């Protein structure tokens, strides 16, 4: 989750760096969304280490979105495989019986 969160924060910074006056509103809103979602994922990663149950929802939703993105960018094999592998690894970990028990306590 930390890698995904940091990636989104980095993408928000790159988006801010590429904002032009012609697309100021779109650039700022996109950068804001990416930054907020990245911070949420960083918080979820921290919450997983603390075994907080609220982290399950954002983590699972993010992985399902990643699977959809992997399908949509399938013509870019390296990116699609990276999204697919990370999503499947995190999903396997989140759906493991021990993880579910730890987060339910």
PDB file of N, CA and C in Angstrom:
ATOM      1  N   UNK A   1       0.817  -1.182   0.000  1.00  0.00           N
ATOM      2  CA  UNK A   1       0.000   0.000   0.000  1.00  0.00           C
ATOM      3  C   UNK A   1       0.865   1.251   0.000  1.00  0.00           C
ATOM      4  N   UNK A   2       1.982   1.178   0.682  1.00  0.00           N
ATOM      5  CA  UNK A   2       2.869   2.343   0.714  1.00  0.00           C
ATOM      6  C   UNK A   2       3.400   2.668  -0.675  1.00  0.00           C
ATOM      7  N   UNK A   3       3.746   1.641  -1.437  1.00  0.00           N
ATOM      8  CA  UNK A   3       4.258   1.875  -2.794  1.00  0.00           C
ATOM      9  C   UNK A   3       3.167   2.498  -3.666  1.00  0.00           C
ATOM     10  N   UNK A   4       1.968   1.984  -3.578  1.00  0.00           N
ATOM     11  CA  UNK A   4       0.877   2.541  -4.372  1.00  0.00           C
ATOM     12  C   UNK A   4       0.560   3.968  -3.934  1.00  0.00           C
ATOM     13  N   UNK A   5       0.549   4.222  -2.637  1.00  0.00           N
ATOM     14  CA  UNK A   5       0.281   5.562  -2.134  1.00  0.00           C
ATOM     15  C   UNK A   5       1.349   6.555  -2.556  1.00  0.00           C
ATOM     16  N   UNK A   6       2.608   6.168  -2.420  1.00  0.00           N
ATOM     17  CA  UNK A   6       3.706   7.054  -2.830  1.00  0.00           C
ATOM     18  C   UNK A   6       3.688   7.304  -4.335  1.00  0.00           C
ATOM     19  N   UNK A   7       3.316   6.289  -5.103  1.00  0.00           N
ATOM     20  CA  UNK A   7       3.218   6.460  -6.552  1.00  0.00           C
ATOM     21  C   UNK A   7       2.167   7.502  -6.904  1.00  0.00           C
ATOM     22  N   UNK A   8       1.014   7.444  -6.237  1.00  0.00           N
ATOM     23  CA  UNK A   8      -0.035   8.427  -6.516  1.00  0.00           C
ATOM     24  C   UNK A   8       0.382   9.834  -6.096  1.00  0.00           C
ATOM     25  N   UNK A   9       1.069   9.959  -4.974  1.00  0.00           N
ATOM     26  CA  UNK A   9       1.542  11.275  -4.550  1.00  0.00           C
ATOM     27  C   UNK A   9       2.565  11.811  -5.564  1.00  0.00           C
ATOM     28  N   UNK A  10       3.463  10.948  -6.031  1.00  0.00           N
ATOM     29  CA  UNK A  10       4.430  11.353  -7.047  1.00  0.00           C
ATOM     30  C   UNK A  10       3.723  11.773  -8.340  1.00  0.00           C
ATOM     31  N   UNK A  11       2.712  11.028  -8.746  1.00  0.00           N
ATOM     32  CA  UNK A  11       1.956  11.397  -9.945  1.00  0.00           C
ATOM     33  C   UNK A  11       1.252  12.740  -9.777  1.00  0.00           C
ATOM     34  N   UNK A  12       0.805  13.035  -8.564  1.00  0.00           N
ATOM     35  CA  UNK A  12       0.160  14.334  -8.338  1.00  0.00           C
ATOM     36  C   UNK A  12       1.170  15.472  -8.484  1.00  0.00           C
ATOM     37  N   UNK A  13       2.389  15.252  -8.004  1.00  0.00           N
ATOM     38  CA  UNK A  13       3.429  16.264  -8.156  1.00  0.00           C
ATOM     39  C   UNK A  13       3.774  16.456  -9.637  1.00  0.00           C
ATOM     40  N   UNK A  14       3.883  15.355 -10.373  1.00  0.00           N
ATOM     41  CA  UNK A  14       4.166  15.446 -11.808  1.00  0.00           C
ATOM     42  C   UNK A  14       3.034  16.146 -12.552  1.00  0.00           C
ATOM     43  N   UNK A  15       1.803  15.898 -12.134  1.00  0.00           N
ATOM     44  CA  UNK A  15       0.657  16.569 -12.755  1.00  0.00           C
ATOM     45  C   UNK A  15       0.720  18.069 -12.482  1.00  0.00           C
ATOM     46  N   UNK A  16       1.040  18.446 -11.264  1.00  0.00           N
ATOM     47  CA  UNK A  16       1.173  19.872 -10.943  1.00  0.00           C
ATOM     48  C   UNK A  16       2.272  20.528 -11.771  1.00  0.00           C
ATOM     49  N   UNK A  17       3.352  19.799 -12.001  1.00  0.00           N
ATOM     50  CA  UNK A  17       4.461  20.350 -12.775  1.00  0.00           C
ATOM     51  C   UNK A  17       4.097  20.558 -14.241  1.00  0.00           C
ATOM     52  N   UNK A  18       3.098  19.816 -14.714  1.00  0.00           N
ATOM     53  CA  UNK A  18       2.735  19.926 -16.128  1.00  0.00           C
ATOM     54  C   UNK A  18       1.484  20.766 -16.375  1.00  0.00           C
ATOM     55  N   UNK A  19       0.963  21.413 -15.354  1.00  0.00           N
ATOM     56  CA  UNK A  19      -0.251  22.219 -15.498  1.00  0.00           C
ATOM     57  C   UNK A  19       0.056  23.467 -16.317  1.00  0.00           C
ATOM     58  N   UNK A  20      -0.811  23.719 -17.274  1.00  0.00           N
ATOM     59  CA  UNK A  20      -0.689  24.947 -18.070  1.00  0.00           C
ATOM     60  C   UNK A  20      -1.934  25.796 -17.849  1.00  0.00           C
ATOM     61  N   UNK A  21      -1.875  27.036 -18.268  1.00  0.00           N
ATOM     62  CA  UNK A  21      -3.019  27.926 -18.068  1.00  0.00           C
ATOM     63  C   UNK A  21      -4.240  27.462 -18.862  1.00  0.00           C
ATOM     64  N   UNK A  22      -4.026  26.719 -19.939  1.00  0.00           N
ATOM     65  CA  UNK A  22      -5.140  26.238 -20.758  1.00  0.00           C
ATOM     66  C   UNK A  22      -5.950  25.157 -20.046  1.00  0.00           C
ATOM     67  N   UNK A  23      -5.326  24.440 -19.142  1.00  0.00           N
ATOM     68  CA  UNK A  23      -6.046  23.384 -18.426  1.00  0.00           C
ATOM     69  C   UNK A  23      -5.785  23.462 -16.920  1.00  0.00           C
ATOM     70  N   UNK A  24      -5.847  24.647 -16.402  1.00  0.00           N
ATOM     71  CA  UNK A  24      -5.548  24.886 -14.995  1.00  0.00           C
ATOM     72  C   UNK A  24      -6.514  24.141 -14.066  1.00  0.00           C
ATOM     73  N   UNK A  25      -7.799  24.262 -14.321  1.00  0.00           N
ATOM     74  CA  UNK A  25      -8.793  23.624 -13.457  1.00  0.00           C
ATOM     75  C   UNK A  25      -8.670  22.112 -13.449  1.00  0.00           C
ATOM     76  N   UNK A  26      -8.544  21.517 -14.632  1.00  0.00           N
ATOM     77  CA  UNK A  26      -8.414  20.067 -14.730  1.00  0.00           C
ATOM     78  C   UNK A  26      -7.116  19.593 -14.091  1.00  0.00           C
ATOM     79  N   UNK A  27      -6.038  20.298 -14.333  1.00  0.00           N
ATOM     80  CA  UNK A  27      -4.749  19.901 -13.768  1.00  0.00           C
ATOM     81  C   UNK A  27      -4.737  19.955 -12.254  1.00  0.00           C
ATOM     82  N   UNK A  28      -5.285  21.032 -11.695  1.00  0.00           N
ATOM     83  CA  UNK A  28      -5.318  21.163 -10.235  1.00  0.00           C
ATOM     84  C   UNK A  28      -6.229  20.127  -9.589  1.00  0.00           C
ATOM     85  N   UNK A  29      -7.395  19.901 -10.192  1.00  0.00           N
ATOM     86  CA  UNK A  29      -8.315  18.917  -9.606  1.00  0.00           C
ATOM     87  C   UNK A  29      -7.752  17.502  -9.717  1.00  0.00           C
ATOM     88  N   UNK A  30      -7.104  17.187 -10.830  1.00  0.00           N
ATOM     89  CA  UNK A  30      -6.493  15.867 -10.984  1.00  0.00           C
ATOM     90  C   UNK A  30      -5.366  15.681  -9.977  1.00  0.00           C
ATOM     91  N   UNK A  31      -4.522  16.679  -9.835  1.00  0.00           N
ATOM     92  CA  UNK A  31      -3.419  16.598  -8.873  1.00  0.00           C
ATOM     93  C   UNK A  31      -3.957  16.472  -7.446  1.00  0.00           C
ATOM     94  N   UNK A  32      -4.998  17.218  -7.144  1.00  0.00           N
ATOM     95  CA  UNK A  32      -5.598  17.132  -5.811  1.00  0.00           C
ATOM     96  C   UNK A  32      -6.183  15.759  -5.530  1.00  0.00           C
ATOM     97  N   UNK A  33      -6.871  15.190  -6.524  1.00  0.00           N
ATOM     98  CA  UNK A  33      -7.443  13.852  -6.355  1.00  0.00           C
ATOM     99  C   UNK A  33      -6.346  12.817  -6.149  1.00  0.00           C
ATOM    100  N   UNK A  34      -5.316  12.856  -6.991  1.00  0.00           N
ATOM    101  CA  UNK A  34      -4.227  11.884  -6.874  1.00  0.00           C
ATOM    102  C   UNK A  34      -3.516  12.002  -5.525  1.00  0.00           C
ATOM    103  N   UNK A  35      -3.295  13.229  -5.076  1.00  0.00           N
ATOM    104  CA  UNK A  35      -2.634  13.433  -3.789  1.00  0.00           C
ATOM    105  C   UNK A  35      -3.497  12.919  -2.643  1.00  0.00           C
ATOM    106  N   UNK A  36      -4.789  13.236  -2.665  1.00  0.00           N
ATOM    107  CA  UNK A  36      -5.685  12.792  -1.594  1.00  0.00           C
ATOM    108  C   UNK A  36      -5.788  11.270  -1.557  1.00  0.00           C
ATOM    109  N   UNK A  37      -5.913  10.653  -2.724  1.00  0.00           N
ATOM    110  CA  UNK A  37      -6.020   9.197  -2.779  1.00  0.00           C
ATOM    111  C   UNK A  37      -4.708   8.552  -2.344  1.00  0.00           C
ATOM    112  N   UNK A  38      -3.586   9.149  -2.732  1.00  0.00           N
ATOM    113  CA  UNK A  38      -2.287   8.644  -2.296  1.00  0.00           C
ATOM    114  C   UNK A  38      -2.129   8.706  -0.788  1.00  0.00           C
ATOM    115  N   UNK A  39      -2.540   9.816  -0.187  1.00  0.00           N
ATOM    116  CA  UNK A  39      -2.465   9.952   1.272  1.00  0.00           C
ATOM    117  C   UNK A  39      -3.391   8.941   1.947  1.00  0.00           C
ATOM    118  N   UNK A  40      -4.579   8.708   1.372  1.00  0.00           N
ATOM    119  CA  UNK A  40      -5.494   7.694   1.918  1.00  0.00           C
ATOM    120  C   UNK A  40      -4.840   6.317   1.894  1.00  0.00           C
ATOM    121  N   UNK A  41      -4.170   5.982   0.802  1.00  0.00           N
ATOM    122  CA  UNK A  41      -3.505   4.677   0.716  1.00  0.00           C
ATOM    123  C   UNK A  41      -2.335   4.569   1.681  1.00  0.00           C
ATOM    124  N   UNK A  42      -1.599   5.663   1.870  1.00  0.00           N
ATOM    125  CA  UNK A  42      -0.530   5.650   2.871  1.00  0.00           C
ATOM    126  C   UNK A  42      -1.106   5.439   4.267  1.00  0.00           C
ATOM    127  N   UNK A  43      -2.220   6.098   4.557  1.00  0.00           N
ATOM    128  CA  UNK A  43      -2.884   5.911   5.856  1.00  0.00           C
ATOM    129  C   UNK A  43      -3.399   4.481   5.991  1.00  0.00           C
ATOM    130  N   UNK A  44      -3.922   3.927   4.901  1.00  0.00           N
ATOM    131  CA  UNK A  44      -4.406   2.544   4.936  1.00  0.00           C
ATOM    132  C   UNK A  44      -3.254   1.573   5.173  1.00  0.00           C
ATOM    133  N   UNK A  45      -2.109   1.828   4.561  1.00  0.00           N
ATOM    134  CA  UNK A  45      -0.943   0.990   4.803  1.00  0.00           C
ATOM    135  C   UNK A  45      -0.506   1.043   6.250  1.00  0.00           C
ATOM    136  N   UNK A  46      -0.504   2.241   6.816  1.00  0.00           N
ATOM    137  CA  UNK A  46      -0.178   2.388   8.234  1.00  0.00           C
ATOM    138  C   UNK A  46      -1.219   1.662   9.092  1.00  0.00           C
ATOM    139  N   UNK A  47      -2.503   1.811   8.718  1.00  0.00           N
ATOM    140  CA  UNK A  47      -3.581   1.151   9.452  1.00  0.00           C
ATOM    141  C   UNK A  47      -3.495  -0.367   9.399  1.00  0.00           C
ATOM    142  N   UNK A  48      -3.044  -0.891   8.272  1.00  0.00           N
ATOM    143  CA  UNK A  48      -2.864  -2.348   8.186  1.00  0.00           C
ATOM    144  C   UNK A  48      -1.809  -2.820   9.173  1.00  0.00           C
ATOM    145  N   UNK A  49      -0.727  -2.061   9.297  1.00  0.00           N
ATOM    146  CA  UNK A  49       0.317  -2.444  10.257  1.00  0.00           C
ATOM    147  C   UNK A  49      -0.198  -2.376  11.699  1.00  0.00           C
ATOM    148  N   UNK A  50      -1.170  -1.490  11.926  1.00  0.00           N
ATOM    149  CA  UNK A  50      -1.754  -1.352  13.260  1.00  0.00           C
ATOM    150  C   UNK A  50      -2.942  -2.292  13.462  1.00  0.00           C
ATOM    151  N   UNK A  51      -3.299  -3.041  12.406  1.00  0.00           N
ATOM    152  CA  UNK A  51      -4.430  -3.980  12.401  1.00  0.00           C
ATOM    153  C   UNK A  51      -5.758  -3.275  12.644  1.00  0.00           C
ATOM    154  N   UNK A  52      -5.953  -2.145  11.966  1.00  0.00           N
ATOM    155  CA  UNK A  52      -7.201  -1.403  12.071  1.00  0.00           C
ATOM    156  C   UNK A  52      -8.174  -1.891  11.001  1.00  0.00           C
ATOM    157  N   UNK A  53      -9.394  -2.196  11.401  1.00  0.00           N
ATOM    158  CA  UNK A  53     -10.343  -2.837  10.485  1.00  0.00           C
ATOM    159  C   UNK A  53     -10.809  -1.925   9.347  1.00  0.00           C
ATOM    160  N   UNK A  54     -10.777  -0.608   9.517  1.00  0.00           N
ATOM    161  CA  UNK A  54     -11.262   0.302   8.480  1.00  0.00           C
ATOM    162  C   UNK A  54     -10.411   0.244   7.215  1.00  0.00           C
ATOM    163  N   UNK A  55      -9.213  -0.299   7.317  1.00  0.00           N
ATOM    164  CA  UNK A  55      -8.305  -0.301   6.172  1.00  0.00           C
ATOM    165  C   UNK A  55      -8.728  -1.284   5.082  1.00  0.00           C
ATOM    166  N   UNK A  56      -9.523  -2.272   5.438  1.00  0.00           N
ATOM    167  CA  UNK A  56      -9.899  -3.309   4.480  1.00  0.00           C
ATOM    168  C   UNK A  56     -10.609  -2.741   3.249  1.00  0.00           C
ATOM    169  N   UNK A  57     -11.554  -1.841   3.445  1.00  0.00           N
ATOM    170  CA  UNK A  57     -12.330  -1.285   2.338  1.00  0.00           C
ATOM    171  C   UNK A  57     -11.486  -0.551   1.304  1.00  0.00           C
ATOM    172  N   UNK A  58     -10.727   0.469   1.712  1.00  0.00           N
ATOM    173  CA  UNK A  58      -9.910   1.185   0.724  1.00  0.00           C
ATOM    174  C   UNK A  58      -8.887   0.296   0.034  1.00  0.00           C
ATOM    175  N   UNK A  59      -8.324  -0.652   0.764  1.00  0.00           N
ATOM    176  CA  UNK A  59      -7.310  -1.523   0.174  1.00  0.00           C
ATOM    177  C   UNK A  59      -7.934  -2.424  -0.888  1.00  0.00           C
ATOM    178  N   UNK A  60      -9.045  -3.064  -0.558  1.00  0.00           N
ATOM    179  CA  UNK A  60      -9.694  -3.957  -1.522  1.00  0.00           C
ATOM    180  C   UNK A  60     -10.208  -3.182  -2.735  1.00  0.00           C
ATOM    181  N   UNK A  61     -10.812  -2.031  -2.506  1.00  0.00           N
ATOM    182  CA  UNK A  61     -11.320  -1.226  -3.617  1.00  0.00           C
ATOM    183  C   UNK A  61     -10.189  -0.808  -4.557  1.00  0.00           C
ATOM    184  N   UNK A  62      -9.078  -0.402  -3.991  1.00  0.00           N
ATOM    185  CA  UNK A  62      -7.933   0.011  -4.805  1.00  0.00           C
ATOM    186  C   UNK A  62      -7.419  -1.138  -5.667  1.00  0.00           C
ATOM    187  N   UNK A  63      -7.388  -2.340  -5.116  1.00  0.00           N
ATOM    188  CA  UNK A  63      -6.888  -3.482  -5.883  1.00  0.00           C
ATOM    189  C   UNK A  63      -7.854  -3.853  -7.007  1.00  0.00           C
ATOM    190  N   UNK A  64      -9.147  -3.738  -6.755  1.00  0.00           N
ATOM    191  CA  UNK A  64     -10.121  -4.008  -7.819  1.00  0.00           C
ATOM    192  C   UNK A  64     -10.004  -2.974  -8.936  1.00  0.00           C
ATOM    193  N   UNK A  65      -9.774  -1.726  -8.564  1.00  0.00           N
ATOM    194  CA  UNK A  65      -9.543  -0.682  -9.574  1.00  0.00           C
ATOM    195  C   UNK A  65      -8.270  -0.986 -10.350  1.00  0.00           C
ATOM    196  N   UNK A  66      -7.236  -1.447  -9.669  1.00  0.00           N
ATOM    197  CA  UNK A  66      -5.972  -1.787 -10.340  1.00  0.00           C
ATOM    198  C   UNK A  66      -6.157  -2.917 -11.343  1.00  0.00           C
ATOM    199  N   UNK A  67      -6.987  -3.892 -10.999  1.00  0.00           N
ATOM    200  CA  UNK A  67      -7.253  -4.976 -11.952  1.00  0.00           C
ATOM    201  C   UNK A  67      -7.936  -4.437 -13.206  1.00  0.00           C
ATOM    202  N   UNK A  68      -8.888  -3.530 -13.032  1.00  0.00           N
ATOM    203  CA  UNK A  68      -9.551  -2.914 -14.175  1.00  0.00           C
ATOM    204  C   UNK A  68      -8.591  -2.084 -15.010  1.00  0.00           C
ATOM    205  N   UNK A  69      -7.720  -1.344 -14.337  1.00  0.00           N
ATOM    206  CA  UNK A  69      -6.719  -0.552 -15.058  1.00  0.00           C
ATOM    207  C   UNK A  69      -5.755  -1.445 -15.828  1.00  0.00           C
ATOM    208  N   UNK A  70      -5.385  -2.568 -15.228  1.00  0.00           N
ATOM    209  CA  UNK A  70      -4.480  -3.494 -15.916  1.00  0.00           C
ATOM    210  C   UNK A  70      -5.115  -3.978 -17.217  1.00  0.00           C
ATOM    211  N   UNK A  71      -6.403  -4.241 -17.188  1.00  0.00           N
ATOM    212  CA  UNK A  71      -7.098  -4.668 -18.403  1.00  0.00           C
ATOM    213  C   UNK A  71      -7.139  -3.532 -19.433  1.00  0.00           C
ATOM    214  N   UNK A  72      -7.390  -2.327 -18.964  1.00  0.00           N
ATOM    215  CA  UNK A  72      -7.501  -1.192 -19.882  1.00  0.00           C
ATOM    216  C   UNK A  72      -6.177  -0.808 -20.533  1.00  0.00           C
ATOM    217  N   UNK A  73      -5.063  -1.073 -19.874  1.00  0.00           N
ATOM    218  CA  UNK A  73      -3.756  -0.716 -20.438  1.00  0.00           C
ATOM    219  C   UNK A  73      -3.004  -1.957 -20.914  1.00  0.00           C
ATOM    220  N   UNK A  74      -3.724  -2.989 -21.277  1.00  0.00           N
ATOM    221  CA  UNK A  74      -3.106  -4.257 -21.652  1.00  0.00           C
ATOM    222  C   UNK A  74      -2.168  -4.147 -22.856  1.00  0.00           C
ATOM    223  N   UNK A  75      -2.324  -3.108 -23.677  1.00  0.00           N
ATOM    224  CA  UNK A  75      -1.403  -2.948 -24.811  1.00  0.00           C
ATOM    225  C   UNK A  75      -0.023  -2.481 -24.351  1.00  0.00           C
ATOM    226  N   UNK A  76       0.074  -1.970 -23.135  1.00  0.00           N
ATOM    227  CA  UNK A  76       1.357  -1.603 -22.521  1.00  0.00           C
ATOM    228  C   UNK A  76       1.701  -2.713 -21.521  1.00  0.00           C
ATOM    229  N   UNK A  77       2.328  -3.752 -22.016  1.00  0.00           N
ATOM    230  CA  UNK A  77       2.486  -4.999 -21.259  1.00  0.00           C
ATOM    231  C   UNK A  77       3.161  -4.819 -19.904  1.00  0.00           C
ATOM    232  N   UNK A  78       4.215  -4.049 -19.840  1.00  0.00           N
ATOM    233  CA  UNK A  78       4.955  -3.902 -18.577  1.00  0.00           C
ATOM    234  C   UNK A  78       4.064  -3.257 -17.512  1.00  0.00           C
ATOM    235  N   UNK A  79       3.376  -2.190 -17.875  1.00  0.00           N
ATOM    236  CA  UNK A  79       2.482  -1.519 -16.928  1.00  0.00           C
ATOM    237  C   UNK A  79       1.332  -2.425 -16.518  1.00  0.00           C
ATOM    238  N   UNK A  80       0.736  -3.112 -17.486  1.00  0.00           N
ATOM    239  CA  UNK A  80      -0.384  -4.004 -17.195  1.00  0.00           C
ATOM    240  C   UNK A  80       0.037  -5.135 -16.264  1.00  0.00           C
ATOM    241  N   UNK A  81       1.191  -5.710 -16.513  1.00  0.00           N
ATOM    242  CA  UNK A  81       1.678  -6.802 -15.664  1.00  0.00           C
ATOM    243  C   UNK A  81       1.997  -6.295 -14.266  1.00  0.00           C
ATOM    244  N   UNK A  82       2.604  -5.115 -14.157  1.00  0.00           N
ATOM    245  CA  UNK A  82       2.910  -4.547 -12.840  1.00  0.00           C
ATOM    246  C   UNK A  82       1.628  -4.309 -12.043  1.00  0.00           C
ATOM    247  N   UNK A  83       0.612  -3.735 -12.687  1.00  0.00           N
ATOM    248  CA  UNK A  83      -0.665  -3.512 -12.005  1.00  0.00           C
ATOM    249  C   UNK A  83      -1.310  -4.829 -11.608  1.00  0.00           C
ATOM    250  N   UNK A  84      -1.296  -5.791 -12.513  1.00  0.00           N
ATOM    251  CA  UNK A  84      -1.919  -7.085 -12.261  1.00  0.00           C
ATOM    252  C   UNK A  84      -1.244  -7.815 -11.108  1.00  0.00           C
ATOM    253  N   UNK A  85       0.067  -7.887 -11.147  1.00  0.00           N
ATOM    254  CA  UNK A  85       0.805  -8.630 -10.116  1.00  0.00           C
ATOM    255  C   UNK A  85       0.638  -7.980  -8.744  1.00  0.00           C
ATOM    256  N   UNK A  86       0.801  -6.659  -8.669  1.00  0.00           N
ATOM    257  CA  UNK A  86       0.664  -6.012  -7.356  1.00  0.00           C
ATOM    258  C   UNK A  86      -0.752  -6.164  -6.816  1.00  0.00           C
ATOM    259  N   UNK A  87      -1.749  -6.024  -7.675  1.00  0.00           N
ATOM    260  CA  UNK A  87      -3.134  -6.163  -7.212  1.00  0.00           C
ATOM    261  C   UNK A  87      -3.406  -7.578  -6.723  1.00  0.00           C
ATOM    262  N   UNK A  88      -2.940  -8.576  -7.454  1.00  0.00           N
ATOM    263  CA  UNK A  88      -3.184  -9.963  -7.047  1.00  0.00           C
ATOM    264  C   UNK A  88      -2.451 -10.315  -5.763  1.00  0.00           C
ATOM    265  N   UNK A  89      -1.239  -9.811  -5.588  1.00  0.00           N
ATOM    266  CA  UNK A  89      -0.491 -10.088  -4.351  1.00  0.00           C
ATOM    267  C   UNK A  89      -1.203  -9.467  -3.150  1.00  0.00           C
ATOM    268  N   UNK A  90      -1.618  -8.219  -3.290  1.00  0.00           N
ATOM    269  CA  UNK A  90      -2.300  -7.551  -2.176  1.00  0.00           C
ATOM    270  C   UNK A  90      -3.655  -8.215  -1.904  1.00  0.00           C
ATOM    271  N   UNK A  91      -4.397  -8.553  -2.961  1.00  0.00           N
ATOM    272  CA  UNK A  91      -5.680  -9.242  -2.764  1.00  0.00           C
ATOM    273  C   UNK A  91      -5.490 -10.580  -2.055  1.00  0.00           C
ATOM    274  N   UNK A  92      -4.483 -11.335  -2.462  1.00  0.00           N
ATOM    275  CA  UNK A  92      -4.220 -12.621  -1.804  1.00  0.00           C
ATOM    276  C   UNK A  92      -3.911 -12.414  -0.322  1.00  0.00           C
ATOM    277  N   UNK A  93      -3.113 -11.400  -0.029  1.00  0.00           N
ATOM    278  CA  UNK A  93      -2.806 -11.118   1.370  1.00  0.00           C
ATOM    279  C   UNK A  93      -4.018 -10.646   2.158  1.00  0.00           C
ATOM    280  N   UNK A  94      -4.840  -9.796   1.539  1.00  0.00           N
ATOM    281  CA  UNK A  94      -6.008  -9.263   2.247  1.00  0.00           C
ATOM    282  C   UNK A  94      -7.098 -10.314   2.448  1.00  0.00           C
ATOM    283  N   UNK A  95      -7.182 -11.275   1.539  1.00  0.00           N
ATOM    284  CA  UNK A  95      -8.225 -12.296   1.639  1.00  0.00           C
ATOM    285  C   UNK A  95      -7.761 -13.554   2.360  1.00  0.00           C
ATOM    286  N   UNK A  96      -6.528 -13.545   2.831  1.00  0.00           N
ATOM    287  CA  UNK A  96      -6.010 -14.675   3.610  1.00  0.00           C
ATOM    288  C   UNK A  96      -6.737 -14.734   4.950  1.00  0.00           C
ATOM    289  N   UNK A  97      -6.990 -15.922   5.400  1.00  0.00           N
ATOM    290  CA  UNK A  97      -7.750 -16.135   6.636  1.00  0.00           C
ATOM    291  C   UNK A  97      -7.110 -15.418   7.831  1.00  0.00           C
ATOM    292  N   UNK A  98      -5.802 -15.471   7.952  1.00  0.00           N
ATOM    293  CA  UNK A  98      -5.120 -14.834   9.090  1.00  0.00           C
ATOM    294  C   UNK A  98      -5.287 -13.314   9.057  1.00  0.00           C
ATOM    295  N   UNK A  99      -5.259 -12.721   7.856  1.00  0.00           N
ATOM    296  CA  UNK A  99      -5.444 -11.268   7.730  1.00  0.00           C
ATOM    297  C   UNK A  99      -6.856 -10.895   8.139  1.00  0.00           C
ATOM    298  N   UNK A 100      -7.816 -11.651   7.668  1.00  0.00           N
ATOM    299  CA  UNK A 100      -9.219 -11.361   8.008  1.00  0.00           C
ATOM    300  C   UNK A 100      -9.426 -11.447   9.519  1.00  0.00           C
ATOM    301  N   UNK A 101      -8.870 -12.476  10.141  1.00  0.00           N
ATOM    302  CA  UNK A 101      -8.992 -12.614  11.592  1.00  0.00           C
ATOM    303  C   UNK A 101      -8.308 -11.483  12.331  1.00  0.00           C
ATOM    304  N   UNK A 102      -7.131 -11.084  11.872  1.00  0.00           N
ATOM    305  CA  UNK A 102      -6.388  -9.993  12.534  1.00  0.00           C
ATOM    306  C   UNK A 102      -7.136  -8.684  12.439  1.00  0.00           C
ATOM    307  N   UNK A 103      -7.783  -8.418  11.303  1.00  0.00           N
ATOM    308  CA  UNK A 103      -8.496  -7.152  11.135  1.00  0.00           C
ATOM    309  C   UNK A 103      -9.865  -7.147  11.803  1.00  0.00           C
ATOM    310  N   UNK A 104     -10.395  -8.327  12.115  1.00  0.00           N
ATOM    311  CA  UNK A 104     -11.701  -8.394  12.791  1.00  0.00           C
ATOM    312  C   UNK A 104     -11.592  -8.202  14.298  1.00  0.00           C
ATOM    313  N   UNK A 105     -10.407  -8.355  14.843  1.00  0.00           N
ATOM    314  CA  UNK A 105     -10.240  -8.226  16.299  1.00  0.00           C
ATOM    315  C   UNK A 105     -10.402  -6.805  16.753  1.00  0.00           C
TER     316      UNK A 105
END
